[in-house]
N, C-alpha and C. Protein backbone atom coordinates (compact mmCIF):
# COMPACT_ATOMS: atom_id res chain seq x y z
N UNK A 1 0.67 -1.13 -0.40
CA UNK A 1 0.12 -0.10 -0.11
C UNK A 1 0.78 1.50 0.07
N UNK A 2 0.53 2.49 -0.46
CA UNK A 2 1.31 3.34 -1.02
C UNK A 2 0.97 4.41 0.10
N UNK A 3 2.12 5.02 0.96
CA UNK A 3 2.09 6.22 1.89
C UNK A 3 1.54 7.47 1.49
N UNK A 4 0.85 8.09 2.48
CA UNK A 4 0.63 9.51 1.58
C UNK A 4 1.43 10.59 1.28
N UNK A 5 2.50 10.07 1.11
CA UNK A 5 3.67 10.79 0.13
C UNK A 5 3.65 10.57 -1.22
N UNK A 6 3.74 9.02 -1.18
CA UNK A 6 3.63 8.33 -2.35
C UNK A 6 2.39 8.86 -3.44
N UNK A 7 0.93 8.80 -2.73
CA UNK A 7 -0.55 8.77 -3.08
C UNK A 7 -0.53 10.56 -3.74
N UNK A 8 0.05 11.65 -2.91
CA UNK A 8 0.34 12.82 -2.98
C UNK A 8 1.02 12.99 -4.14
N UNK A 9 2.26 12.21 -3.82
CA UNK A 9 3.18 12.81 -4.84
C UNK A 9 2.80 12.01 -6.47
N UNK A 10 1.71 11.13 -6.71
CA UNK A 10 1.44 10.94 -7.70
C UNK A 10 0.11 11.82 -8.53
N UNK A 11 -0.37 12.52 -7.64
CA UNK A 11 -1.31 13.00 -7.81
C UNK A 11 -0.76 14.53 -8.72
N UNK A 12 0.39 14.84 -7.76
CA UNK A 12 1.12 16.19 -8.06
C UNK A 12 1.93 15.89 -9.62
N UNK A 13 2.50 14.73 -9.78
CA UNK A 13 2.95 14.18 -10.70
C UNK A 13 2.00 14.53 -12.09
N UNK A 14 0.66 14.22 -11.76
CA UNK A 14 -0.39 14.27 -12.84
C UNK A 14 -0.80 15.58 -13.04
N UNK A 15 -1.04 15.96 -12.30
CA UNK A 15 -1.45 17.59 -12.36
C UNK A 15 0.00 18.63 -13.31
N UNK A 16 1.42 17.99 -12.94
CA UNK A 16 2.13 18.98 -13.43
C UNK A 16 2.58 18.55 -14.85
N UNK A 17 1.95 17.16 -15.04
CA UNK A 17 2.04 16.73 -16.55
C UNK A 17 0.76 17.47 -17.07
N UNK A 18 -0.54 17.91 -16.55
CA UNK A 18 -1.56 18.29 -17.47
C UNK A 18 -0.85 20.02 -17.81
N UNK A 19 -0.21 20.47 -16.63
CA UNK A 19 0.12 22.13 -16.47
C UNK A 19 0.83 22.23 -17.88
N UNK A 20 2.10 21.00 -17.67
CA UNK A 20 3.38 21.32 -19.17
C UNK A 20 2.28 21.07 -20.22
N UNK A 21 1.66 20.17 -20.59
CA UNK A 21 0.93 19.69 -21.72
C UNK A 21 0.06 21.09 -22.25
N UNK A 22 -0.62 21.81 -21.46
CA UNK A 22 -1.40 22.84 -21.23
C UNK A 22 -0.73 24.36 -21.55
N UNK A 23 0.55 24.43 -21.22
CA UNK A 23 1.52 25.22 -21.25
C UNK A 23 2.33 25.39 -22.72
N UNK A 24 2.36 24.05 -23.02
CA UNK A 24 3.13 23.68 -24.62
C UNK A 24 1.99 24.31 -25.50
N UNK A 25 0.76 24.05 -25.40
CA UNK A 25 -0.22 24.32 -26.35
C UNK A 25 -0.55 22.84 -26.60
N UNK A 26 -1.45 23.53 -27.62
CA UNK A 26 -2.15 22.18 -28.54
C UNK A 26 -1.83 22.60 -29.69
N UNK A 27 -1.66 21.32 -30.47
CA UNK A 27 -1.49 21.51 -32.48
C UNK A 27 -2.96 22.54 -32.75
N UNK A 28 -1.91 22.83 -34.17
CA UNK A 28 -3.26 24.20 -34.77
C UNK A 28 -4.22 23.36 -35.35
N UNK A 29 -5.57 23.51 -35.72
CA UNK A 29 -6.22 22.78 -36.04
C UNK A 29 -7.95 22.91 -36.06
N UNK A 30 -8.19 22.42 -36.24
CA UNK A 30 -9.82 21.92 -35.99
C UNK A 30 -10.39 21.70 -34.97
N UNK A 31 -9.71 20.97 -34.26
CA UNK A 31 -10.08 20.08 -33.18
C UNK A 31 -8.92 20.71 -31.57
N UNK A 32 -8.19 21.48 -32.27
CA UNK A 32 -7.36 22.23 -31.24
C UNK A 32 -8.15 22.26 -29.92
N UNK A 33 -9.20 23.40 -29.99
CA UNK A 33 -10.10 24.19 -28.93
C UNK A 33 -10.52 22.84 -27.88
N UNK A 34 -11.04 22.12 -29.35
CA UNK A 34 -11.79 20.98 -28.43
C UNK A 34 -11.10 19.84 -27.33
N UNK A 35 -9.56 19.85 -27.95
CA UNK A 35 -8.62 19.09 -27.33
C UNK A 35 -8.07 19.99 -25.94
N UNK A 36 -8.00 21.13 -26.25
CA UNK A 36 -7.36 21.87 -24.95
C UNK A 36 -8.89 22.13 -23.49
N UNK A 37 -9.99 21.66 -24.51
CA UNK A 37 -11.26 21.95 -23.21
C UNK A 37 -11.07 20.83 -22.44
N UNK A 38 -10.55 19.37 -23.62
CA UNK A 38 -10.80 17.87 -22.74
C UNK A 38 -9.15 17.98 -21.64
N UNK A 39 -8.18 18.58 -21.70
CA UNK A 39 -7.41 18.81 -20.92
C UNK A 39 -7.65 19.58 -19.88
N UNK A 40 -8.33 20.85 -19.91
CA UNK A 40 -8.98 21.43 -18.74
C UNK A 40 -9.78 20.62 -18.37
N UNK A 41 -10.93 20.18 -18.27
CA UNK A 41 -11.72 19.16 -18.06
C UNK A 41 -11.12 17.84 -17.04
N UNK A 42 -10.20 17.52 -17.75
CA UNK A 42 -9.22 16.45 -16.55
C UNK A 42 -8.60 16.73 -15.70
N UNK A 43 -7.63 18.14 -16.10
CA UNK A 43 -7.08 18.99 -14.95
C UNK A 43 -8.05 19.77 -13.78
N UNK A 44 -9.44 19.61 -13.99
CA UNK A 44 -10.30 20.53 -13.39
C UNK A 44 -11.01 19.29 -12.28
N UNK A 45 -10.89 17.47 -12.88
CA UNK A 45 -11.48 16.32 -12.00
C UNK A 45 -10.46 16.20 -11.14
N UNK A 46 -9.29 15.95 -11.64
CA UNK A 46 -7.96 16.05 -10.89
C UNK A 46 -7.75 16.64 -9.77
N UNK A 47 -7.83 17.87 -10.14
CA UNK A 47 -7.61 18.80 -8.70
C UNK A 47 -9.00 18.67 -7.72
N UNK A 48 -10.01 18.78 -7.91
CA UNK A 48 -11.01 18.43 -7.39
C UNK A 48 -11.19 17.40 -6.58
N UNK A 49 -10.77 16.29 -7.03
CA UNK A 49 -10.47 15.21 -6.19
C UNK A 49 -9.66 14.93 -4.85
N UNK A 50 -7.97 16.07 -5.91
CA UNK A 50 -7.26 15.94 -4.82
C UNK A 50 -7.31 16.66 -3.73
N UNK A 51 -8.00 17.76 -3.80
CA UNK A 51 -8.15 18.87 -3.21
C UNK A 51 -9.11 18.37 -2.12
N UNK A 52 -10.15 18.11 -2.50
CA UNK A 52 -11.05 17.63 -1.58
C UNK A 52 -10.47 16.37 -0.35
N UNK A 53 -9.91 15.52 -0.67
CA UNK A 53 -9.43 14.07 0.15
C UNK A 53 -8.39 14.98 1.05
N UNK A 54 -7.42 16.15 0.65
CA UNK A 54 -6.29 16.61 1.38
C UNK A 54 -7.20 17.07 2.34
N UNK A 55 -8.37 18.42 1.96
CA UNK A 55 -8.94 18.57 2.93
C UNK A 55 -9.57 17.81 4.48
N UNK A 56 -10.03 16.75 3.93
CA UNK A 56 -10.51 15.40 4.50
C UNK A 56 -9.80 15.14 5.24
N UNK A 57 -8.48 14.71 4.50
CA UNK A 57 -7.62 13.86 5.69
C UNK A 57 -6.20 14.02 5.76
N UNK A 58 -5.85 14.97 4.84
CA UNK A 58 -4.58 15.20 4.87
C UNK A 58 -4.09 16.66 6.04
N UNK A 59 -5.00 17.53 5.69
CA UNK A 59 -4.50 18.91 5.98
C UNK A 59 -5.00 18.79 7.71
N UNK A 60 -6.27 17.85 8.11
CA UNK A 60 -6.15 17.55 9.58
C UNK A 60 -5.05 16.83 10.08
N UNK A 61 -4.37 15.96 9.67
CA UNK A 61 -3.30 15.52 9.98
C UNK A 61 -2.34 16.51 10.36
N UNK A 62 -1.75 17.51 9.33
CA UNK A 62 -0.62 18.49 9.64
C UNK A 62 -0.99 18.84 10.65
N UNK A 63 -2.52 19.45 11.03
CA UNK A 63 -2.51 20.41 12.05
C UNK A 63 -2.65 19.67 13.42
N UNK A 64 -2.71 18.34 13.42
CA UNK A 64 -2.77 17.46 14.74
C UNK A 64 -1.10 17.19 14.87
N UNK A 65 -0.80 16.93 14.06
CA UNK A 65 1.08 16.37 14.20
C UNK A 65 1.82 17.46 13.96
N UNK A 66 1.88 18.41 13.41
CA UNK A 66 3.08 19.15 13.21
C UNK A 66 2.78 20.02 14.14
N UNK A 67 4.07 20.72 14.53
CA UNK A 67 4.19 21.40 15.32
C UNK A 67 3.46 23.38 15.01
N UNK A 68 3.64 23.34 13.75
CA UNK A 68 3.28 24.77 13.37
C UNK A 68 1.95 24.16 12.23
N UNK A 69 1.67 23.04 12.46
CA UNK A 69 0.48 22.67 11.28
C UNK A 69 -0.70 23.60 10.92
N UNK A 70 -0.73 24.07 12.04
CA UNK A 70 -2.24 25.41 11.21
C UNK A 70 -1.78 26.26 10.79
N UNK A 71 -0.66 27.16 10.56
CA UNK A 71 -0.11 27.63 9.97
C UNK A 71 0.02 27.27 8.65
N UNK A 72 0.71 26.29 8.24
CA UNK A 72 1.16 25.60 7.20
C UNK A 72 -0.60 24.84 6.59
N UNK A 73 -1.42 24.75 7.17
CA UNK A 73 -2.76 24.41 6.90
C UNK A 73 -3.61 25.21 6.35
N UNK A 74 -3.60 26.51 6.98
CA UNK A 74 -4.17 27.64 6.77
C UNK A 74 -3.81 28.48 5.46
N UNK A 75 -2.57 28.27 5.42
CA UNK A 75 -2.22 29.02 4.18
C UNK A 75 -2.34 28.07 2.73
N UNK A 76 -2.20 26.88 3.17
CA UNK A 76 -2.21 25.61 1.67
C UNK A 76 -3.78 25.67 1.37
N UNK A 77 -4.98 25.76 2.49
CA UNK A 77 -6.25 25.95 2.36
C UNK A 77 -6.38 26.61 1.55
N UNK A 78 -6.10 28.41 1.88
CA UNK A 78 -5.99 29.20 1.32
C UNK A 78 -5.69 29.32 -0.14
N UNK A 79 -4.83 28.82 -0.47
CA UNK A 79 -4.15 28.39 -1.93
C UNK A 79 -5.11 27.82 -2.81
N UNK A 80 -5.71 27.02 -2.02
CA UNK A 80 -6.33 25.71 -2.50
C UNK A 80 -8.08 26.34 -2.99
N UNK A 81 -8.18 27.40 -1.84
CA UNK A 81 -9.68 27.73 -1.74
C UNK A 81 -9.64 28.99 -3.21
N UNK A 82 -8.39 29.34 -3.44
CA UNK A 82 -8.32 30.63 -4.18
C UNK A 82 -8.13 29.66 -5.94
N UNK A 83 -7.89 28.57 -5.65
CA UNK A 83 -7.61 27.36 -7.05
C UNK A 83 -8.62 27.04 -7.65
N UNK A 84 -9.83 27.05 -6.26
CA UNK A 84 -11.16 26.49 -6.88
C UNK A 84 -11.88 27.41 -7.18
N UNK A 85 -11.86 28.86 -7.10
CA UNK A 85 -12.60 29.92 -7.88
C UNK A 85 -12.10 29.58 -8.96
N UNK A 86 -10.77 29.32 -9.37
CA UNK A 86 -10.61 29.76 -10.80
C UNK A 86 -10.64 28.77 -11.50
N UNK A 87 -10.70 27.81 -11.05
CA UNK A 87 -11.17 26.44 -11.75
C UNK A 87 -12.92 26.20 -11.99
N UNK A 88 -13.46 26.44 -10.92
CA UNK A 88 -14.64 27.25 -10.88
C UNK A 88 -15.18 28.25 -12.45
N UNK A 89 -14.57 29.24 -12.49
CA UNK A 89 -14.42 29.54 -13.78
C UNK A 89 -14.06 29.09 -15.00
N UNK A 90 -13.05 28.33 -14.75
CA UNK A 90 -12.66 27.55 -16.06
C UNK A 90 -13.86 26.76 -16.87
N UNK A 91 -14.32 26.00 -15.64
CA UNK A 91 -15.97 24.93 -16.00
C UNK A 91 -16.30 25.35 -16.87
N UNK A 92 -16.99 27.03 -16.69
CA UNK A 92 -18.20 27.45 -17.14
C UNK A 92 -17.87 28.17 -18.65
N UNK A 93 -16.50 27.81 -19.00
CA UNK A 93 -15.94 28.61 -20.12
C UNK A 93 -15.28 27.56 -21.41
N UNK A 94 -15.36 28.05 -22.57
CA UNK A 94 -15.29 27.20 -23.67
C UNK A 94 -13.40 27.70 -23.87
N UNK A 95 -12.67 26.86 -24.67
CA UNK A 95 -11.24 27.70 -24.57
C UNK A 95 -11.32 28.76 -25.64
N UNK A 96 -12.06 29.21 -26.43
CA UNK A 96 -12.46 30.34 -27.07
C UNK A 96 -12.99 31.46 -26.84
N UNK A 97 -13.34 31.04 -25.60
CA UNK A 97 -14.10 32.50 -24.84
C UNK A 97 -12.82 33.66 -24.32
N UNK A 98 -13.22 34.90 -24.46
CA UNK A 98 -12.15 36.04 -23.32
C UNK A 98 -11.92 35.46 -22.43
N UNK A 99 -10.68 36.12 -21.93
CA UNK A 99 -10.28 35.66 -20.61
C UNK A 99 -9.80 33.94 -20.27
N UNK A 100 -10.30 32.90 -21.09
CA UNK A 100 -10.13 31.58 -21.06
C UNK A 100 -8.44 31.24 -20.40
N UNK A 101 -7.92 31.86 -21.51
CA UNK A 101 -6.51 31.61 -21.30
C UNK A 101 -6.10 32.51 -20.34
N UNK A 102 -6.22 33.36 -19.49
CA UNK A 102 -5.95 34.75 -18.62
C UNK A 102 -6.25 33.29 -17.60
N UNK A 103 -7.28 32.77 -17.15
CA UNK A 103 -7.76 32.09 -16.05
C UNK A 103 -6.77 30.86 -16.09
N UNK A 104 -6.56 30.41 -17.48
CA UNK A 104 -5.52 28.94 -17.05
C UNK A 104 -4.18 29.60 -16.60
N UNK A 105 -3.53 30.53 -17.38
CA UNK A 105 -2.29 30.95 -16.93
C UNK A 105 -2.64 31.41 -15.34
N UNK A 106 -3.48 31.67 -14.82
CA UNK A 106 -3.16 31.92 -12.98
C UNK A 106 -3.28 30.92 -12.46
N UNK A 107 -4.25 29.89 -12.74
CA UNK A 107 -3.99 28.59 -12.23
C UNK A 107 -2.78 27.84 -12.33
N UNK A 108 -2.28 28.01 -13.35
CA UNK A 108 -0.63 27.33 -13.83
C UNK A 108 0.07 27.81 -12.97
N UNK A 109 0.40 29.45 -12.90
CA UNK A 109 1.00 29.65 -11.83
C UNK A 109 0.96 29.16 -10.37
N UNK A 110 -0.31 29.43 -9.81
CA UNK A 110 -0.29 29.39 -8.58
C UNK A 110 -0.60 27.80 -8.30
N UNK A 111 -1.19 27.10 -9.09
CA UNK A 111 -1.15 25.73 -9.06
C UNK A 111 0.61 25.26 -8.58
N UNK A 112 1.10 25.69 -9.51
CA UNK A 112 2.89 25.24 -9.36
C UNK A 112 3.27 25.32 -8.02
N UNK A 113 2.52 26.68 -7.55
CA UNK A 113 3.14 27.62 -6.22
C UNK A 113 2.69 26.62 -5.21
N UNK A 114 1.58 26.25 -5.31
CA UNK A 114 1.09 25.16 -4.21
C UNK A 114 1.35 24.19 -3.96
N UNK A 115 2.03 23.26 -5.16
CA UNK A 115 2.36 21.82 -4.97
C UNK A 115 3.86 22.63 -4.27
N UNK A 116 4.64 23.28 -4.50
CA UNK A 116 5.91 23.41 -4.05
C UNK A 116 5.70 23.60 -2.88
N UNK A 117 4.72 24.47 -2.19
CA UNK A 117 4.69 24.78 -0.87
C UNK A 117 4.67 23.47 -0.54
N UNK A 118 3.46 22.54 -0.59
CA UNK A 118 3.51 20.99 -0.05
C UNK A 118 4.64 20.35 -0.06
N UNK A 119 5.05 20.39 -1.24
CA UNK A 119 6.33 19.21 -0.93
C UNK A 119 7.71 20.57 -0.27
N UNK A 120 7.50 21.48 -0.30
CA UNK A 120 8.90 21.86 0.47
C UNK A 120 8.72 22.27 1.83
N UNK A 121 7.61 23.13 2.20
CA UNK A 121 7.18 23.41 3.34
C UNK A 121 6.82 22.51 4.15
N UNK A 122 5.81 21.54 3.61
CA UNK A 122 4.86 20.88 4.63
C UNK A 122 5.39 19.37 5.03
N UNK A 123 5.75 18.85 3.51
CA UNK A 123 6.13 16.99 3.36
C UNK A 123 7.02 17.02 4.68
N UNK A 124 8.08 18.05 4.25
CA UNK A 124 9.42 17.38 5.48
C UNK A 124 9.24 17.38 6.74
N UNK A 125 8.05 18.29 7.07
CA UNK A 125 7.64 18.34 8.77
C UNK A 125 6.76 17.77 9.27
N UNK A 126 6.21 17.12 8.27
CA UNK A 126 5.13 15.86 8.60
C UNK A 126 5.96 14.31 8.42
N UNK A 127 7.10 14.50 7.56
CA UNK A 127 7.70 13.57 7.95
C UNK A 127 8.06 13.28 9.01
N UNK A 128 8.56 13.60 9.60
CA UNK A 128 9.48 13.54 10.83
C UNK A 128 8.75 13.30 12.08
N UNK A 129 7.28 13.68 11.89
CA UNK A 129 6.25 13.01 12.97
C UNK A 129 5.34 12.32 12.95
N UNK A 130 5.30 11.77 11.23
CA UNK A 130 4.50 10.43 10.88
C UNK A 130 5.25 9.53 10.98
N UNK A 131 4.54 8.57 11.62
CA UNK A 131 4.72 7.02 11.93
C UNK A 131 4.67 6.59 10.55
N UNK A 132 5.20 5.45 10.17
CA UNK A 132 5.23 4.53 8.67
C UNK A 132 3.96 4.21 8.62
N UNK A 133 3.36 3.63 9.96
CA UNK A 133 1.82 2.80 9.95
C UNK A 133 0.65 4.48 9.61
N UNK A 134 0.84 5.54 10.36
CA UNK A 134 0.04 6.35 10.16
C UNK A 134 0.32 6.58 8.78
N UNK A 135 1.59 6.91 8.11
CA UNK A 135 1.51 7.54 6.68
C UNK A 135 1.00 6.38 5.54
N UNK A 136 0.86 5.07 5.97
CA UNK A 136 0.48 4.22 5.08
C UNK A 136 -1.28 4.45 5.12
N UNK A 137 -1.81 4.40 6.52
CA UNK A 137 -3.43 4.74 6.43
C UNK A 137 -3.28 5.86 5.80
N UNK A 138 -3.29 7.10 6.37
CA UNK A 138 -3.21 7.84 5.52
C UNK A 138 -3.17 7.91 4.00
N UNK A 139 -2.41 7.44 3.41
CA UNK A 139 -2.24 7.36 2.12
C UNK A 139 -3.83 6.40 1.41
N UNK A 140 -3.70 5.38 1.90
CA UNK A 140 -5.27 4.38 1.86
C UNK A 140 -6.51 5.15 2.08
N UNK A 141 -6.81 5.96 3.16
CA UNK A 141 -7.56 7.01 3.27
C UNK A 141 -7.67 8.29 2.10
N UNK A 142 -6.64 8.80 1.64
CA UNK A 142 -6.92 9.55 0.16
C UNK A 142 -6.99 8.66 -0.87
N UNK A 143 -6.65 7.56 -1.31
CA UNK A 143 -6.71 6.63 -2.27
C UNK A 143 -8.21 6.39 -2.24
N UNK A 144 -8.74 5.93 -1.21
CA UNK A 144 -10.40 5.49 -1.25
C UNK A 144 -11.12 6.67 -1.14
N UNK A 145 -10.61 7.97 -0.73
CA UNK A 145 -11.52 9.03 -0.84
C UNK A 145 -11.39 9.45 -1.81
N UNK A 146 -10.76 9.69 -2.96
CA UNK A 146 -10.57 9.89 -4.10
C UNK A 146 -11.64 9.40 -4.88
N UNK A 147 -12.18 7.94 -4.80
CA UNK A 147 -13.08 7.19 -5.53
C UNK A 147 -14.53 7.71 -5.38
N UNK A 148 -14.70 8.71 -3.90
CA UNK A 148 -16.12 9.09 -3.35
C UNK A 148 -15.89 10.57 -3.81
N UNK A 149 -14.75 11.28 -4.24
CA UNK A 149 -14.50 12.80 -4.19
C UNK A 149 -15.17 13.39 -5.19
N UNK A 150 -15.88 14.63 -4.78
CA UNK A 150 -16.42 15.29 -6.15
C UNK A 150 -15.33 15.65 -7.12
N UNK A 151 -16.48 15.90 -8.69
CA UNK A 151 -15.18 15.96 -9.89
C UNK A 151 -15.16 17.37 -9.94
N UNK A 152 -15.86 18.21 -9.59
CA UNK A 152 -16.07 19.81 -9.71
C UNK A 152 -15.46 20.64 -8.15
N UNK A 153 -14.94 21.66 -8.59
CA UNK A 153 -14.12 22.40 -7.25
C UNK A 153 -15.06 23.02 -6.38
N UNK A 154 -16.52 23.32 -6.20
CA UNK A 154 -17.24 23.58 -5.17
C UNK A 154 -16.61 24.70 -4.06
N UNK A 155 -16.22 25.81 -4.58
CA UNK A 155 -15.46 27.12 -3.88
C UNK A 155 -16.45 27.61 -3.05
N UNK A 156 -17.47 27.37 -2.92
CA UNK A 156 -18.51 27.57 -1.63
C UNK A 156 -18.49 26.92 -0.48
N UNK A 157 -18.25 25.61 -0.84
CA UNK A 157 -18.32 24.25 0.46
C UNK A 157 -17.03 24.77 1.65
N UNK A 158 -17.55 24.83 2.70
CA UNK A 158 -16.07 25.07 3.31
C UNK A 158 -15.61 23.90 3.55
N UNK A 159 -13.80 24.84 3.58
CA UNK A 159 -13.26 23.47 3.32
C UNK A 159 -12.70 22.83 5.33
N UNK A 160 -13.89 22.59 5.55
CA UNK A 160 -13.83 21.67 7.11
C UNK A 160 -14.14 20.51 6.60
N UNK A 161 -13.05 19.29 7.46
CA UNK A 161 -13.22 17.70 7.20
C UNK A 161 -14.81 17.30 7.72
N UNK A 162 -15.41 17.86 8.75
CA UNK A 162 -16.55 17.12 9.33
C UNK A 162 -17.76 18.06 8.13
N UNK A 163 -17.58 18.75 7.51
CA UNK A 163 -18.67 19.11 6.37
C UNK A 163 -18.32 18.71 5.54
N UNK A 164 -17.29 18.11 4.75
CA UNK A 164 -16.98 17.50 3.47
C UNK A 164 -16.97 16.01 3.50
N UNK A 165 -16.80 15.40 4.82
CA UNK A 165 -17.49 14.14 5.58
C UNK A 165 -18.86 13.91 5.13
N UNK A 166 -19.66 15.06 5.61
CA UNK A 166 -21.31 14.80 5.61
C UNK A 166 -21.50 14.93 4.02
N UNK A 167 -21.45 16.02 3.64
CA UNK A 167 -21.74 16.19 2.01
C UNK A 167 -20.74 15.66 1.40
N UNK A 168 -19.71 15.62 1.19
CA UNK A 168 -18.62 14.78 0.13
C UNK A 168 -19.54 13.78 -0.62
N UNK A 169 -19.99 12.91 -0.41
CA UNK A 169 -19.97 11.43 -0.87
C UNK A 169 -21.02 11.97 -1.84
N UNK A 170 -22.78 12.79 -1.17
CA UNK A 170 -23.85 13.54 -1.80
C UNK A 170 -23.24 14.05 -3.09
N UNK A 171 -22.25 15.23 -3.28
CA UNK A 171 -21.74 16.20 -3.66
C UNK A 171 -21.09 15.41 -4.98
N UNK A 172 -20.20 14.55 -4.40
CA UNK A 172 -19.56 13.53 -5.59
C UNK A 172 -20.71 12.97 -6.72
N UNK A 173 -21.80 12.10 -5.84
CA UNK A 173 -22.42 11.54 -6.62
C UNK A 173 -23.25 12.36 -7.66
N UNK A 174 -23.54 14.05 -7.54
CA UNK A 174 -24.48 14.53 -8.00
C UNK A 174 -23.17 15.11 -9.08
N UNK A 175 -22.09 15.25 -8.54
CA UNK A 175 -21.24 15.57 -9.94
C UNK A 175 -20.90 14.69 -11.17
N UNK A 176 -20.97 13.29 -10.36
CA UNK A 176 -20.61 12.45 -11.45
C UNK A 176 -21.76 11.91 -11.74
N UNK A 177 -22.96 11.92 -11.45
CA UNK A 177 -24.30 11.88 -12.80
C UNK A 177 -24.58 12.95 -13.80
N UNK A 178 -24.06 14.50 -12.96
CA UNK A 178 -23.82 15.42 -14.27
C UNK A 178 -22.81 14.92 -15.30
N UNK A 179 -21.57 14.54 -14.97
CA UNK A 179 -20.32 14.25 -15.68
C UNK A 179 -20.90 13.03 -16.80
N UNK A 180 -21.75 12.06 -16.11
CA UNK A 180 -22.64 11.17 -16.80
C UNK A 180 -23.46 11.75 -18.24
N UNK A 181 -24.20 12.54 -17.73
CA UNK A 181 -25.11 13.34 -18.37
C UNK A 181 -24.52 14.24 -19.73
N UNK A 182 -23.52 14.61 -18.94
CA UNK A 182 -23.34 15.68 -20.53
C UNK A 182 -21.62 14.96 -20.68
N UNK A 183 -21.59 13.83 -20.24
CA UNK A 183 -20.38 13.46 -21.18
C UNK A 183 -19.15 13.89 -20.44
N UNK A 184 -18.71 14.49 -19.76
CA UNK A 184 -17.53 15.18 -19.21
C UNK A 184 -16.57 14.57 -18.50
N UNK A 185 -15.34 14.56 -18.90
CA UNK A 185 -14.57 13.75 -18.49
C UNK A 185 -14.14 12.43 -19.08
N UNK A 186 -14.56 12.25 -20.47
CA UNK A 186 -14.44 10.89 -21.05
C UNK A 186 -13.44 11.35 -22.02
N UNK A 187 -12.96 9.99 -22.62
CA UNK A 187 -12.10 9.96 -23.88
C UNK A 187 -11.11 11.40 -23.37
């Protein structure tokens, strides 16, 4: 079983891959905008699931175990909330719309900054206080949680673990139903 750092590391690697592809642009042609839209959909889905489980499981562990965990978690959650608003705005835009590329550029910059903050500022401190057993348990919870996590950003939902545990499954089910009906996230 993968530990928390492996699970989050895989997520970060996937997001970095998507961000790099989006920065590189898509080939010119008729399907260019469709491909770009699909890539942004993939980014929104992956980020939404990732942030939901971090808020539900990871940040509470940081708050509990790391001496300055409240400060670190507060800063990270502030970054995540800002990112959710940008992703939510992207969700309703077509790549041909005015402002789409500016929003995307903002997210790319802020997303990279957030990943670096977690990996450089938070992970080393958490590693020093987290047992191997707890790291694996947290990794398992993150992996399992992503299966039931929302696929849309939901920036107006308070990032509180209790609220997320209570509302997350229903919100995720509604998101997945909407995705199925609209074809979002396929192919």
